[in-house]
Amino acid sequence: MEHKAKITIEYCPGCRWMLRSAWLAQELLTTFENEVFEVSLRPSEINGTFVVCVNGTQVWERRQDGGFPEAKILKQKVRDIIAPKKALGHSDNK
């Protein structure tokens, strides 16, 4: 567990965003299986919420960032925090 990341995806259950959140959690766990300690899904009490945090630092907020992240973009943002030297293959910046 030492030095492994904790990622939280907070979502609006009233908007039915749990499946989207679970899919992104799966993508992050698959990509960062050696770098991540946990990915948690947190239902929000605030309507319209979709926020992704890595070790307490916000990396995506739906309203601020203009919608939902593509998996590729989210992986890049997470990688830049937890494993900057990790190659993401086809998900890397060109």
C-alpha atoms as a PDB file:
ATOM      1  CA  MET A   1       0.000   0.000   0.000  1.00  0.00           C
ATOM      2  CA  GLU A   2       2.925   2.325   0.605  1.00  0.00           C
ATOM      3  CA  HIS A   3       2.913   5.204  -1.904  1.00  0.00           C
ATOM      4  CA  LYS A   4      -0.026   3.830  -3.859  1.00  0.00           C
ATOM      5  CA  ALA A   5      -2.757   6.200  -4.982  1.00  0.00           C
ATOM      6  CA  LYS A   6      -6.306   6.504  -3.726  1.00  0.00           C
ATOM      7  CA  ILE A   7      -8.786   7.623  -6.350  1.00  0.00           C
ATOM      8  CA  THR A   8     -12.327   8.741  -5.591  1.00  0.00           C
ATOM      9  CA  ILE A   9     -15.083   9.161  -8.136  1.00  0.00           C
ATOM     10  CA  GLU A  10     -18.004  11.119  -6.698  1.00  0.00           C
ATOM     11  CA  TYR A  11     -21.138  10.947  -8.816  1.00  0.00           C
ATOM     12  CA  CYS A  12     -24.807  11.917  -8.773  1.00  0.00           C
ATOM     13  CA  PRO A  13     -26.943   8.804  -8.222  1.00  0.00           C
ATOM     14  CA  GLY A  14     -30.100  10.714  -9.177  1.00  0.00           C
ATOM     15  CA  CYS A  15     -28.587  11.345 -12.613  1.00  0.00           C
ATOM     16  CA  ARG A  16     -27.860   7.605 -12.968  1.00  0.00           C
ATOM     17  CA  TRP A  17     -24.100   8.119 -13.318  1.00  0.00           C
ATOM     18  CA  MET A  18     -23.058   5.111 -11.237  1.00  0.00           C
ATOM     19  CA  LEU A  19     -22.438   2.857 -14.274  1.00  0.00           C
ATOM     20  CA  ARG A  20     -20.294   5.529 -15.957  1.00  0.00           C
ATOM     21  CA  SER A  21     -18.356   5.917 -12.694  1.00  0.00           C
ATOM     22  CA  ALA A  22     -17.886   2.168 -12.326  1.00  0.00           C
ATOM     23  CA  TRP A  23     -16.665   1.881 -15.922  1.00  0.00           C
ATOM     24  CA  LEU A  24     -14.089   4.645 -15.396  1.00  0.00           C
ATOM     25  CA  ALA A  25     -13.018   3.011 -12.121  1.00  0.00           C
ATOM     26  CA  GLN A  26     -12.469  -0.253 -14.003  1.00  0.00           C
ATOM     27  CA  GLU A  27     -10.423   1.550 -16.665  1.00  0.00           C
ATOM     28  CA  LEU A  28      -8.229   3.181 -14.000  1.00  0.00           C
ATOM     29  CA  LEU A  29      -7.759  -0.055 -12.049  1.00  0.00           C
ATOM     30  CA  THR A  30      -6.783  -1.922 -15.196  1.00  0.00           C
ATOM     31  CA  THR A  31      -4.336   0.738 -16.365  1.00  0.00           C
ATOM     32  CA  PHE A  32      -2.766   1.466 -12.977  1.00  0.00           C
ATOM     33  CA  GLU A  33      -2.984  -1.938 -11.275  1.00  0.00           C
ATOM     34  CA  ASN A  34       0.466  -1.536  -9.693  1.00  0.00           C
ATOM     35  CA  GLU A  35       0.126   2.135  -8.774  1.00  0.00           C
ATOM     36  CA  VAL A  36      -3.347   2.278  -7.218  1.00  0.00           C
ATOM     37  CA  PHE A  37      -4.351   1.153  -3.740  1.00  0.00           C
ATOM     38  CA  GLU A  38      -8.060   1.781  -4.251  1.00  0.00           C
ATOM     39  CA  VAL A  39     -10.662   3.398  -6.438  1.00  0.00           C
ATOM     40  CA  SER A  40     -13.811   4.286  -4.547  1.00  0.00           C
ATOM     41  CA  LEU A  41     -17.219   5.310  -5.813  1.00  0.00           C
ATOM     42  CA  ARG A  42     -18.990   7.882  -3.685  1.00  0.00           C
ATOM     43  CA  PRO A  43     -22.633   8.812  -4.281  1.00  0.00           C
ATOM     44  CA  SER A  44     -23.027  12.563  -3.894  1.00  0.00           C
ATOM     45  CA  GLU A  45     -25.852  14.328  -2.128  1.00  0.00           C
ATOM     46  CA  ILE A  46     -25.460  17.250  -4.555  1.00  0.00           C
ATOM     47  CA  ASN A  47     -27.333  16.911  -7.844  1.00  0.00           C
ATOM     48  CA  GLY A  48     -25.235  16.876 -11.004  1.00  0.00           C
ATOM     49  CA  THR A  49     -21.974  16.031  -9.273  1.00  0.00           C
ATOM     50  CA  PHE A  50     -19.215  14.188 -11.097  1.00  0.00           C
ATOM     51  CA  VAL A  51     -15.764  14.707  -9.571  1.00  0.00           C
ATOM     52  CA  VAL A  52     -12.588  12.615  -9.768  1.00  0.00           C
ATOM     53  CA  CYS A  53      -9.876  13.090  -7.129  1.00  0.00           C
ATOM     54  CA  VAL A  54      -6.456  11.474  -6.818  1.00  0.00           C
ATOM     55  CA  ASN A  55      -5.015  11.491  -3.295  1.00  0.00           C
ATOM     56  CA  GLY A  56      -7.411  14.312  -2.454  1.00  0.00           C
ATOM     57  CA  THR A  57      -6.476  16.452  -5.478  1.00  0.00           C
ATOM     58  CA  GLN A  58      -9.292  17.142  -7.921  1.00  0.00           C
ATOM     59  CA  VAL A  59      -8.405  16.117 -11.476  1.00  0.00           C
ATOM     60  CA  TRP A  60     -11.855  16.361 -13.086  1.00  0.00           C
ATOM     61  CA  GLU A  61     -15.093  18.189 -12.323  1.00  0.00           C
ATOM     62  CA  ARG A  62     -17.960  17.854 -14.785  1.00  0.00           C
ATOM     63  CA  ARG A  63     -19.203  21.445 -14.666  1.00  0.00           C
ATOM     64  CA  GLN A  64     -15.777  23.049 -14.611  1.00  0.00           C
ATOM     65  CA  ASP A  65     -14.215  20.793 -17.253  1.00  0.00           C
ATOM     66  CA  GLY A  66     -17.145  20.724 -19.650  1.00  0.00           C
ATOM     67  CA  GLY A  67     -18.782  17.334 -19.253  1.00  0.00           C
ATOM     68  CA  PHE A  68     -17.442  13.872 -18.666  1.00  0.00           C
ATOM     69  CA  PRO A  69     -13.848  12.884 -19.340  1.00  0.00           C
ATOM     70  CA  GLU A  70     -12.908  10.482 -22.080  1.00  0.00           C
ATOM     71  CA  ALA A  71     -11.116   7.507 -20.506  1.00  0.00           C
ATOM     72  CA  LYS A  72      -7.959   8.466 -22.425  1.00  0.00           C
ATOM     73  CA  ILE A  73      -7.912  12.005 -20.980  1.00  0.00           C
ATOM     74  CA  LEU A  74      -8.666  10.838 -17.446  1.00  0.00           C
ATOM     75  CA  LYS A  75      -5.878   8.249 -17.622  1.00  0.00           C
ATOM     76  CA  GLN A  76      -3.439  10.941 -18.734  1.00  0.00           C
ATOM     77  CA  LYS A  77      -4.441  13.239 -15.861  1.00  0.00           C
ATOM     78  CA  VAL A  78      -4.154  10.425 -13.312  1.00  0.00           C
ATOM     79  CA  ARG A  79      -0.856   9.222 -14.774  1.00  0.00           C
ATOM     80  CA  ASP A  80       0.631  12.718 -14.567  1.00  0.00           C
ATOM     81  CA  ILE A  81       0.052  12.629 -10.794  1.00  0.00           C
ATOM     82  CA  ILE A  82       0.790   9.044  -9.777  1.00  0.00           C
ATOM     83  CA  ALA A  83       3.211   7.712 -12.409  1.00  0.00           C
ATOM     84  CA  PRO A  84       4.537  10.506 -14.653  1.00  0.00           C
ATOM     85  CA  LYS A  85       6.980   8.212 -16.470  1.00  0.00           C
ATOM     86  CA  LYS A  86       4.433   5.484 -17.217  1.00  0.00           C
ATOM     87  CA  ALA A  87       3.678   4.943 -20.897  1.00  0.00           C
ATOM     88  CA  LEU A  88      -0.015   4.611 -21.681  1.00  0.00           C
ATOM     89  CA  GLY A  89       0.333   3.121 -25.137  1.00  0.00           C
ATOM     90  CA  HIS A  90      -2.510   4.224 -27.420  1.00  0.00           C
ATOM     91  CA  SER A  91      -3.865   6.473 -24.620  1.00  0.00           C
ATOM     92  CA  ASP A  92      -0.742   8.625 -24.586  1.00  0.00           C
ATOM     93  CA  ASN A  93      -0.514  12.160 -25.927  1.00  0.00           C
ATOM     94  CA  LYS A  94       0.633  12.356 -29.528  1.00  0.00           C
END
